[in-house]
Amino acid sequence: MNKKKTLLTIIFLVMLIQLNHASAQFGYQAIKLKPGPHFFIDNYLIADQYMLSRTVNVPDKLPEPVITGGKDGDENFQPYMSVLKDPDTGRFRIWYNTAEWKSQSHIGYMESEDGIHWIRPHRVLKDPHEIKFGVTVLDRGKNWKEEDQRYVLAFWHSGGMMIAGSRNGLEWKMITDDVVWKHNHDINSLHWDPIRKQYLAIGSVRMEHERWAGEGTHRIPHMSVSKDLLHWEEKWPIIMAKIGAPIEKGETQFYAMSGVITRGDLLIGLVKVLRDDLNATPGKTAKEMGDMDRKAAGIGYTVLAWSRDGRTWQRDHEPFLPNDPYPDRWDHAHVWGDEQIIVGDETFIYYAGYKRGHKVARFDERQIGLFRMPRDRYVAREADINKGTLITKPLLLEGSALTVNAYVVEEMRVRLLDRDGNPLTGFGWIDIKGDAIDHPLKWKQDLNMLKGKPVRLEFQLRDAQLFGFDLHK
């Protein structure tokens, strides 16, 4: 009798496990996907995956800076910049901080045909106001109703963010002489969220946190939103230190977040991580290297952050833009990403590189470099020599064609399933080969016939990287 009860209990537990697995895999509500890129940067679209690792994809870096520091160069001295591509001329335009003396920044400006080689000499634009730090420029389009405010400039001064407007991005005039968004540290950036049609302000706030209990205040990025640039919601913290987070030990701070770009239904930003307790040059104190009177000069790197609602953010711990490991390199101490721009089939990521530390020779050794990667390749779901599988949650595809962003060495294939995980007739396996950001998927049946019907994508891959897919109109 006891053996029979035991057997029934085991059978019940097995059935319960199977039911829970089925519920986890197939109990999701359908996610409506609009045309555009969709990423596997997090698990939002994923119902199940086997034998796959999540890999942060470090882009390729140009070996030398594109904008130099110091009086004999382009005079960059801050890790803040804006890069836009002019819709009329096709030229790239860059705005960055220069300085004549330690408590005042100015706006350096140059143009380029390719975003890499800049036409010199640089210009120093006339200040619309005293500028402490920062230079974020937004282009609101040539049809903007107030022509002299087509371009918007945001910078930090007097305890918060201030804004100016311009017809051409060269001559600036204050929109208001007041601080429009107050925060207590000297870094902020301004961004446009086209999904929710609102502005985002991200600024550094010095505050206490349990991660550094008893050690005073540290830098915590905060955010606010506005519809008109003048009236802002109360700010809230978005990037917080985590006790026990991997690799984040010692005095890990978050200097700022910027470079926010909209891709599909995601906002993707760049977080400047600062380890102010470490030296890029071992054996020397910060003071010996010309920094402040402290033991360490600090090292810095950049991690990814992303938001699906325009308010809350997730982030990585692993570096997306790591500082260069070689001590003689110009970006050995810091690599702080600050701007992203789509250039054809690539993503350009501009960053500030420091050679020896946070405050070491800051008027000479802070320079701007460039990472390049195939478009939208932030994070991969990667399979090694063992075959891996990824199955999405139910999706409502509001489009007529699909392409896949993938790098395939050995094999990858994809098919469509119904909501319950059954193969769909006419949408069977398609092989994907080689390296492309837009592998086309062409089935026997027309994708339009699935509109309004929840479907799943199933990928199988071996020795390959899957970054995401694009849904086309």
Protein backbone atom coordinates (compact mmCIF):
# COMPACT_ATOMS: atom_id res chain seq x y z
CA MET A 1 0.00 0.00 0.00
CA ASN A 2 2.82 2.40 0.88
CA LYS A 3 4.62 1.55 -2.39
CA LYS A 4 1.43 2.31 -4.32
CA LYS A 5 1.04 5.67 -2.58
CA THR A 6 4.69 6.48 -3.25
CA LEU A 7 4.30 5.62 -6.93
CA LEU A 8 1.16 7.77 -7.21
CA THR A 9 2.95 10.64 -5.50
CA ILE A 10 5.84 10.39 -7.94
CA ILE A 11 3.46 10.29 -10.92
CA PHE A 12 1.61 13.32 -9.56
CA LEU A 13 4.83 15.28 -9.07
CA VAL A 14 6.04 14.44 -12.59
CA MET A 15 2.69 15.57 -14.04
CA LEU A 16 2.85 18.75 -11.96
CA ILE A 17 6.37 19.53 -13.22
CA GLN A 18 5.29 18.92 -16.82
CA LEU A 19 2.20 21.09 -16.33
CA ASN A 20 4.27 23.90 -14.83
CA HIS A 21 6.75 23.67 -17.71
CA ALA A 22 3.94 23.78 -20.26
CA SER A 23 2.35 26.69 -18.45
CA ALA A 24 5.65 28.55 -18.34
CA GLN A 25 6.25 27.96 -22.03
CA PHE A 26 2.76 28.39 -23.44
CA GLY A 27 0.84 30.46 -20.89
CA TYR A 28 2.02 33.86 -22.07
CA GLN A 29 -0.19 36.57 -23.48
CA ALA A 30 0.62 37.49 -27.06
CA ILE A 31 3.01 40.42 -27.52
CA LYS A 32 2.11 42.83 -30.31
CA LEU A 33 5.18 43.71 -32.40
CA LYS A 34 5.23 46.72 -34.68
CA PRO A 35 7.57 47.02 -37.67
CA GLY A 36 11.18 47.61 -36.66
CA PRO A 37 14.06 45.80 -34.97
CA HIS A 38 13.42 43.49 -32.03
CA PHE A 39 16.25 42.27 -29.81
CA PHE A 40 17.07 39.41 -27.48
CA ILE A 41 18.93 41.86 -25.23
CA ASP A 42 16.80 40.58 -22.33
CA ASN A 43 14.28 37.76 -21.88
CA TYR A 44 11.21 39.83 -22.74
CA LEU A 45 10.51 37.97 -26.02
CA ILE A 46 11.87 34.59 -24.93
CA ALA A 47 9.67 31.77 -23.63
CA ASP A 48 12.31 29.05 -23.53
CA GLN A 49 15.93 28.51 -24.47
CA TYR A 50 18.37 25.62 -24.20
CA MET A 51 22.19 25.42 -24.50
CA LEU A 52 22.52 29.14 -25.25
CA SER A 53 24.57 31.80 -23.51
CA ARG A 54 23.83 35.50 -23.36
CA THR A 55 26.90 37.33 -24.72
CA VAL A 56 27.52 41.08 -24.62
CA ASN A 57 28.98 41.96 -28.02
CA VAL A 58 31.97 44.32 -27.69
CA PRO A 59 32.16 46.46 -30.87
CA ASP A 60 35.30 47.05 -32.95
CA LYS A 61 37.33 50.08 -31.98
CA LEU A 62 39.31 52.51 -34.11
CA PRO A 63 42.89 52.49 -32.78
CA GLU A 64 43.34 56.26 -32.60
CA PRO A 65 41.11 59.09 -31.35
CA VAL A 66 38.93 60.95 -33.85
CA ILE A 67 38.87 64.14 -31.73
CA THR A 68 42.02 64.99 -29.78
CA GLY A 69 42.68 66.81 -26.52
CA GLY A 70 45.09 69.53 -25.55
CA LYS A 71 45.98 72.94 -26.94
CA ASP A 72 47.85 71.42 -29.86
CA GLY A 73 44.81 69.35 -30.87
CA ASP A 74 41.05 69.77 -30.91
CA GLU A 75 40.92 70.80 -27.23
CA ASN A 76 38.39 68.22 -26.06
CA PHE A 77 38.41 67.93 -22.27
CA GLN A 78 35.14 66.25 -21.23
CA PRO A 79 33.43 62.87 -21.80
CA TYR A 80 30.31 64.58 -23.21
CA MET A 81 29.45 65.16 -26.85
CA SER A 82 26.67 65.10 -29.43
CA VAL A 83 26.92 63.77 -32.97
CA LEU A 84 24.17 64.31 -35.56
CA LYS A 85 23.94 63.71 -39.27
CA ASP A 86 22.56 66.73 -41.10
CA PRO A 87 19.55 65.65 -43.22
CA ASP A 88 20.23 68.38 -45.79
CA THR A 89 24.01 68.20 -46.30
CA GLY A 90 24.58 64.58 -45.25
CA ARG A 91 27.50 65.76 -43.13
CA PHE A 92 28.20 64.58 -39.60
CA ARG A 93 28.28 67.33 -36.98
CA ILE A 94 29.93 67.07 -33.56
CA TRP A 95 29.63 69.36 -30.54
CA TYR A 96 31.92 68.79 -27.54
CA ASN A 97 33.35 70.61 -24.51
CA THR A 98 36.51 72.69 -24.75
CA ALA A 99 37.95 74.80 -21.93
CA GLU A 100 40.00 77.93 -21.45
CA TRP A 101 40.16 77.65 -17.68
CA LYS A 102 39.18 75.05 -15.14
CA SER A 103 35.71 76.23 -14.11
CA GLN A 104 34.31 77.12 -17.53
CA SER A 105 33.51 74.99 -20.60
CA HIS A 106 32.90 76.12 -24.16
CA ILE A 107 31.47 74.38 -27.22
CA GLY A 108 33.85 72.92 -29.75
CA TYR A 109 32.40 72.16 -33.17
CA MET A 110 33.47 70.31 -36.33
CA GLU A 111 31.96 68.60 -39.38
CA SER A 112 32.82 65.41 -41.25
CA GLU A 113 31.85 63.58 -44.43
CA ASP A 114 32.10 60.11 -42.86
CA GLY A 115 31.93 60.58 -39.07
CA ILE A 116 35.56 59.50 -38.76
CA HIS A 117 37.73 62.14 -40.42
CA TRP A 118 36.85 65.65 -39.22
CA ILE A 119 37.42 68.90 -41.07
CA ARG A 120 39.85 71.04 -39.09
CA PRO A 121 40.50 73.43 -37.49
CA HIS A 122 37.70 73.16 -34.95
CA ARG A 123 35.51 76.12 -34.10
CA VAL A 124 34.70 77.39 -30.63
CA LEU A 125 31.11 78.63 -30.65
CA LYS A 126 29.97 81.64 -28.72
CA ASP A 127 28.54 80.70 -25.32
CA PRO A 128 24.82 81.44 -24.86
CA HIS A 129 25.46 81.38 -21.11
CA GLU A 130 28.21 80.27 -18.75
CA ILE A 131 28.59 76.51 -19.26
CA LYS A 132 30.01 74.34 -16.52
CA PHE A 133 29.86 70.93 -18.23
CA GLY A 134 27.92 69.12 -20.93
CA VAL A 135 26.80 69.65 -24.49
CA THR A 136 23.73 67.73 -25.62
CA VAL A 137 22.27 68.84 -28.96
CA LEU A 138 18.91 67.71 -30.38
CA ASP A 139 17.67 68.46 -33.91
CA ARG A 140 13.88 68.81 -33.90
CA GLY A 141 13.67 69.00 -37.70
CA LYS A 142 13.51 71.72 -40.33
CA ASN A 143 9.73 71.92 -40.01
CA TRP A 144 9.87 72.85 -36.32
CA LYS A 145 7.36 75.64 -35.73
CA GLU A 146 9.87 78.00 -34.05
CA GLU A 147 12.75 78.23 -36.51
CA ASP A 148 15.20 79.73 -34.03
CA GLN A 149 14.63 76.74 -31.71
CA ARG A 150 14.97 73.91 -34.22
CA TYR A 151 18.16 72.85 -32.40
CA VAL A 152 18.19 72.52 -28.62
CA LEU A 153 21.33 72.64 -26.46
CA ALA A 154 21.34 71.29 -22.89
CA PHE A 155 24.18 71.81 -20.39
CA TRP A 156 24.76 71.97 -16.64
CA HIS A 157 25.21 75.17 -14.68
CA SER A 158 24.06 76.66 -11.37
CA GLY A 159 22.60 73.47 -9.93
CA GLY A 160 20.80 71.96 -12.89
CA MET A 161 20.08 71.70 -16.58
CA MET A 162 19.79 74.80 -18.73
CA ILE A 163 18.68 74.96 -22.36
CA ALA A 164 19.33 77.14 -25.40
CA GLY A 165 17.90 77.17 -28.91
CA SER A 166 19.36 77.72 -32.38
CA ARG A 167 18.29 77.94 -35.99
CA ASN A 168 21.42 76.19 -37.30
CA GLY A 169 23.24 74.65 -34.31
CA LEU A 170 25.93 77.35 -34.43
CA GLU A 171 24.47 80.52 -32.91
CA TRP A 172 22.73 79.82 -29.63
CA LYS A 173 20.32 81.85 -27.51
CA MET A 174 18.89 80.87 -24.15
CA ILE A 175 15.27 79.66 -24.27
CA THR A 176 15.03 80.65 -20.63
CA ASP A 177 17.65 82.00 -18.24
CA ASP A 178 16.38 79.75 -15.47
CA VAL A 179 17.43 76.21 -14.61
CA VAL A 180 14.69 74.01 -16.07
CA TRP A 181 15.57 70.82 -14.17
CA LYS A 182 17.41 70.86 -10.85
CA HIS A 183 19.86 68.21 -9.66
CA ASN A 184 22.87 68.54 -7.41
CA HIS A 185 25.76 67.18 -9.48
CA ASP A 186 27.39 68.56 -12.62
CA ILE A 187 26.39 66.08 -15.34
CA ASN A 188 23.20 65.90 -17.40
CA SER A 189 22.03 64.90 -20.85
CA LEU A 190 18.86 65.45 -22.87
CA HIS A 191 17.12 62.93 -25.14
CA TRP A 192 13.94 62.55 -27.18
CA ASP A 193 11.68 59.51 -26.76
CA PRO A 194 9.73 59.18 -30.06
CA ILE A 195 7.66 56.27 -28.75
CA ARG A 196 6.03 58.28 -25.96
CA LYS A 197 6.73 61.66 -27.59
CA GLN A 198 8.48 63.21 -24.63
CA TYR A 199 11.89 64.51 -23.61
CA LEU A 200 14.12 62.61 -21.20
CA ALA A 201 16.57 64.34 -18.89
CA ILE A 202 19.20 62.19 -17.19
CA GLY A 203 21.39 63.75 -14.53
CA SER A 204 23.87 62.83 -11.84
CA VAL A 205 22.73 63.15 -8.22
CA ARG A 206 25.00 62.76 -5.23
CA MET A 207 23.21 60.79 -2.53
CA GLU A 208 23.72 58.21 0.19
CA HIS A 209 23.12 54.54 -0.58
CA GLU A 210 23.33 51.30 1.38
CA ARG A 211 26.02 50.08 -1.03
CA TRP A 212 28.35 52.69 0.51
CA ALA A 213 26.93 52.89 4.03
CA GLY A 214 28.92 55.34 6.14
CA GLU A 215 31.05 56.49 3.17
CA GLY A 216 29.14 59.65 2.32
CA THR A 217 27.37 60.49 -0.93
CA HIS A 218 28.00 58.90 -4.31
CA ARG A 219 26.83 59.47 -7.88
CA ILE A 220 23.44 57.97 -8.81
CA PRO A 221 21.87 58.79 -12.23
CA HIS A 222 18.33 60.15 -12.00
CA MET A 223 15.78 60.83 -14.70
CA SER A 224 12.75 62.98 -15.46
CA VAL A 225 10.43 63.49 -18.43
CA SER A 226 8.80 66.53 -20.02
CA LYS A 227 6.54 67.37 -22.93
CA ASP A 228 7.80 70.93 -23.45
CA LEU A 229 11.37 71.15 -22.00
CA LEU A 230 10.22 73.66 -19.39
CA HIS A 231 8.05 71.60 -17.03
CA TRP A 232 9.52 68.38 -15.65
CA GLU A 233 8.28 65.59 -13.42
CA GLU A 234 9.97 65.01 -10.08
CA LYS A 235 13.19 63.08 -10.75
CA TRP A 236 13.72 59.45 -9.75
CA PRO A 237 16.82 57.16 -9.62
CA ILE A 238 17.28 54.82 -12.57
CA ILE A 239 20.74 53.23 -12.21
CA MET A 240 21.49 51.93 -8.74
CA ALA A 241 24.38 50.08 -7.17
CA LYS A 242 23.63 46.47 -6.30
CA ILE A 243 25.10 44.73 -3.29
CA GLY A 244 26.77 41.53 -4.46
CA ALA A 245 26.60 42.42 -8.16
CA PRO A 246 29.24 40.61 -10.24
CA ILE A 247 32.53 42.47 -10.84
CA GLU A 248 31.17 45.60 -9.15
CA LYS A 249 33.32 45.77 -6.05
CA GLY A 250 35.10 48.49 -4.13
CA GLU A 251 33.98 52.01 -4.91
CA THR A 252 31.80 51.40 -7.98
CA GLN A 253 29.88 54.51 -9.00
CA PHE A 254 27.77 55.47 -11.99
CA TYR A 255 29.08 58.71 -13.40
CA ALA A 256 26.26 59.27 -15.88
CA MET A 257 24.04 57.68 -18.49
CA SER A 258 23.74 59.13 -21.99
CA GLY A 259 23.84 58.16 -25.65
CA VAL A 260 20.21 57.06 -25.52
CA ILE A 261 19.02 55.71 -28.87
CA THR A 262 15.59 54.36 -29.87
CA ARG A 263 15.57 50.99 -31.64
CA GLY A 264 12.17 49.42 -32.21
CA ASP A 265 10.33 49.43 -28.88
CA LEU A 266 13.54 49.84 -26.86
CA LEU A 267 15.52 52.76 -25.52
CA ILE A 268 19.19 51.80 -25.24
CA GLY A 269 21.63 53.88 -23.22
CA LEU A 270 25.30 53.92 -22.19
CA VAL A 271 26.19 53.94 -18.49
CA LYS A 272 29.57 55.35 -17.45
CA VAL A 273 30.89 53.14 -14.64
CA LEU A 274 33.60 54.55 -12.38
CA ARG A 275 35.90 52.53 -10.12
CA ASP A 276 37.41 55.45 -8.26
CA ASP A 277 39.33 53.15 -5.91
CA LEU A 278 41.58 51.69 -8.64
CA ASN A 279 44.61 53.01 -10.48
CA ALA A 280 45.20 52.51 -14.19
CA THR A 281 48.90 52.97 -13.36
CA PRO A 282 49.73 50.56 -10.51
CA GLY A 283 52.31 51.65 -7.99
CA LYS A 284 51.57 55.36 -8.22
CA THR A 285 49.15 57.45 -6.22
CA ALA A 286 46.77 59.83 -7.91
CA LYS A 287 48.74 62.77 -6.54
CA GLU A 288 51.97 61.45 -8.04
CA MET A 289 50.26 61.38 -11.44
CA GLY A 290 49.03 64.97 -11.12
CA ASP A 291 45.54 64.16 -9.80
CA MET A 292 43.95 65.21 -6.54
CA ASP A 293 45.39 64.31 -3.14
CA ARG A 294 44.07 60.75 -3.00
CA LYS A 295 45.34 57.20 -3.42
CA ALA A 296 43.72 56.27 -6.75
CA ALA A 297 42.97 58.09 -9.99
CA GLY A 298 40.14 55.77 -11.02
CA ILE A 299 39.33 53.62 -14.03
CA GLY A 300 36.11 53.62 -16.07
CA TYR A 301 34.20 51.53 -18.57
CA THR A 302 30.72 51.50 -20.14
CA VAL A 303 27.82 49.10 -19.69
CA LEU A 304 24.53 48.82 -21.55
CA ALA A 305 21.17 49.89 -20.16
CA TRP A 306 17.74 49.55 -21.77
CA SER A 307 14.15 50.53 -21.12
CA ARG A 308 10.88 49.17 -22.51
CA ASP A 309 8.59 51.71 -20.86
CA GLY A 310 10.64 54.92 -21.03
CA ARG A 311 10.85 55.15 -17.24
CA THR A 312 12.52 52.10 -15.71
CA TRP A 313 15.86 50.71 -16.82
CA GLN A 314 17.67 47.40 -16.75
CA ARG A 315 21.43 47.25 -17.11
CA ASP A 316 24.36 44.93 -17.58
CA HIS A 317 27.34 44.49 -15.29
CA GLU A 318 29.72 43.18 -17.93
CA PRO A 319 31.51 45.93 -19.91
CA PHE A 320 30.11 46.74 -23.34
CA LEU A 321 32.92 49.23 -23.99
CA PRO A 322 35.94 48.10 -21.91
CA ASN A 323 38.95 50.26 -21.18
CA ASP A 324 42.05 49.26 -23.17
CA PRO A 325 44.22 46.73 -21.28
CA TYR A 326 47.54 48.10 -22.60
CA PRO A 327 49.06 50.73 -20.25
CA ASP A 328 50.51 52.89 -23.02
CA ARG A 329 47.20 53.34 -24.82
CA TRP A 330 45.42 56.70 -24.89
CA ASP A 331 42.20 55.09 -23.56
CA HIS A 332 43.75 52.74 -21.00
CA ALA A 333 42.15 54.26 -17.89
CA HIS A 334 38.65 55.19 -19.10
CA VAL A 335 36.32 54.32 -21.94
CA TRP A 336 33.08 56.21 -21.41
CA GLY A 337 30.47 55.96 -24.19
CA ASP A 338 28.42 59.09 -24.74
CA GLU A 339 26.74 59.03 -28.18
CA GLN A 340 25.21 56.51 -30.59
CA ILE A 341 24.19 57.08 -34.19
CA ILE A 342 22.96 54.75 -36.94
CA VAL A 343 25.15 54.97 -40.06
CA GLY A 344 23.78 52.73 -42.80
CA ASP A 345 24.28 49.12 -41.72
CA GLU A 346 26.41 50.12 -38.74
CA THR A 347 26.05 51.62 -35.28
CA PHE A 348 28.69 54.27 -34.49
CA ILE A 349 29.42 54.73 -30.78
CA TYR A 350 31.49 57.74 -29.77
CA TYR A 351 33.29 57.68 -26.43
CA ALA A 352 35.77 59.58 -24.29
CA GLY A 353 39.09 57.89 -23.57
CA TYR A 354 41.40 58.78 -20.68
CA LYS A 355 44.98 57.55 -20.55
CA ARG A 356 45.83 57.61 -16.83
CA GLY A 357 42.76 58.35 -14.73
CA HIS A 358 39.69 60.32 -13.79
CA LYS A 359 41.32 63.69 -13.15
CA VAL A 360 44.85 63.13 -14.50
CA ALA A 361 45.85 65.76 -17.10
CA ARG A 362 42.20 66.29 -17.91
CA PHE A 363 42.86 69.26 -20.18
CA ASP A 364 45.30 67.26 -22.32
CA GLU A 365 44.58 63.51 -22.13
CA ARG A 366 40.81 63.31 -22.60
CA GLN A 367 40.09 62.44 -26.22
CA ILE A 368 37.15 61.14 -28.26
CA GLY A 369 37.24 57.75 -29.96
CA LEU A 370 34.88 55.61 -32.01
CA PHE A 371 33.54 52.07 -31.77
CA ARG A 372 31.76 50.56 -34.78
CA MET A 373 29.56 47.48 -34.96
CA PRO A 374 27.07 45.94 -37.38
CA ARG A 375 23.73 47.62 -36.68
CA ASP A 376 21.90 46.57 -33.50
CA ARG A 377 24.37 43.91 -32.38
CA TYR A 378 24.39 44.70 -28.69
CA VAL A 379 23.75 41.26 -27.19
CA ALA A 380 23.76 37.77 -28.73
CA ARG A 381 22.16 34.49 -27.81
CA GLU A 382 25.09 32.28 -28.65
CA ALA A 383 25.51 28.54 -29.22
CA ASP A 384 28.85 26.72 -29.14
CA ILE A 385 29.50 23.30 -30.74
CA ASN A 386 26.33 22.03 -29.05
CA LYS A 387 23.02 22.79 -30.72
CA GLY A 388 20.91 25.35 -28.90
CA THR A 389 17.25 26.29 -29.19
CA LEU A 390 15.29 29.50 -28.61
CA ILE A 391 11.48 29.72 -28.69
CA THR A 392 9.74 33.08 -28.40
CA LYS A 393 6.59 33.93 -26.53
CA PRO A 394 3.43 34.26 -28.66
CA LEU A 395 3.82 37.23 -31.00
CA LEU A 396 1.34 39.23 -33.06
CA LEU A 397 3.37 40.25 -36.10
CA GLU A 398 2.17 43.55 -37.57
CA GLY A 399 4.23 43.20 -40.73
CA SER A 400 4.58 41.35 -44.00
CA ALA A 401 8.24 40.24 -43.91
CA LEU A 402 10.92 39.11 -41.45
CA THR A 403 14.70 39.33 -41.51
CA VAL A 404 17.14 37.92 -38.93
CA ASN A 405 20.25 39.58 -37.52
CA ALA A 406 22.75 36.73 -37.06
CA TYR A 407 26.34 35.60 -37.44
CA VAL A 408 26.41 31.91 -38.39
CA VAL A 409 29.59 29.82 -38.57
CA GLU A 410 28.04 26.34 -38.62
CA GLU A 411 24.27 26.33 -38.73
CA MET A 412 21.07 28.15 -37.86
CA ARG A 413 17.48 27.56 -38.87
CA VAL A 414 14.13 29.08 -37.99
CA ARG A 415 10.46 28.17 -38.33
CA LEU A 416 7.07 29.42 -37.12
CA LEU A 417 4.91 27.69 -34.54
CA ASP A 418 1.36 28.30 -33.46
CA ARG A 419 0.52 29.58 -29.98
CA ASP A 420 0.65 26.06 -28.54
CA GLY A 421 4.02 25.25 -30.07
CA ASN A 422 2.84 23.21 -33.05
CA PRO A 423 4.59 23.71 -36.42
CA LEU A 424 2.64 25.89 -38.84
CA THR A 425 2.04 24.43 -42.28
CA GLY A 426 3.82 26.47 -44.94
CA PHE A 427 6.19 28.08 -42.41
CA GLY A 428 8.70 25.28 -41.89
CA TRP A 429 12.44 25.37 -41.37
CA ILE A 430 14.51 27.96 -43.24
CA ASP A 431 18.31 27.71 -43.13
CA ILE A 432 20.33 30.83 -42.33
CA LYS A 433 23.95 30.96 -43.43
CA GLY A 434 26.80 33.43 -43.06
CA ASP A 435 26.97 36.88 -41.49
CA ALA A 436 24.25 39.49 -42.12
CA ILE A 437 22.11 41.93 -40.19
CA ASP A 438 19.15 41.13 -42.49
CA HIS A 439 18.98 37.46 -43.45
CA PRO A 440 15.63 37.23 -45.36
CA LEU A 441 13.01 34.67 -44.37
CA LYS A 442 10.84 33.53 -47.29
CA TRP A 443 8.27 30.82 -46.63
CA LYS A 444 5.89 29.07 -48.98
CA GLN A 445 3.00 30.91 -47.36
CA ASP A 446 2.58 34.68 -47.10
CA LEU A 447 3.29 36.15 -43.67
CA ASN A 448 0.30 38.47 -44.09
CA MET A 449 -2.06 35.53 -43.59
CA LEU A 450 -0.92 35.35 -39.96
CA LYS A 451 -1.96 38.87 -39.00
CA GLY A 452 -3.97 38.82 -35.81
CA LYS A 453 -2.88 35.26 -35.03
CA PRO A 454 -0.37 34.59 -32.22
CA VAL A 455 2.73 32.78 -33.52
CA ARG A 456 6.12 31.81 -32.15
CA LEU A 457 9.56 31.85 -33.69
CA GLU A 458 11.72 28.80 -33.05
CA PHE A 459 15.47 29.05 -33.68
CA GLN A 460 17.97 26.22 -33.66
CA LEU A 461 21.65 27.13 -33.87
CA ARG A 462 25.15 25.71 -33.50
CA ASP A 463 28.36 27.76 -33.44
CA ALA A 464 26.33 30.87 -34.18
CA GLN A 465 25.14 34.17 -32.70
CA LEU A 466 21.54 35.36 -32.82
CA PHE A 467 21.03 39.08 -32.11
CA GLY A 468 17.38 39.62 -33.05
CA PHE A 469 15.06 40.11 -36.00
CA ASP A 470 13.42 42.90 -37.96
CA LEU A 471 9.73 43.07 -38.78
CA HIS A 472 9.03 44.90 -42.06
CA LYS A 473 5.81 46.51 -43.31
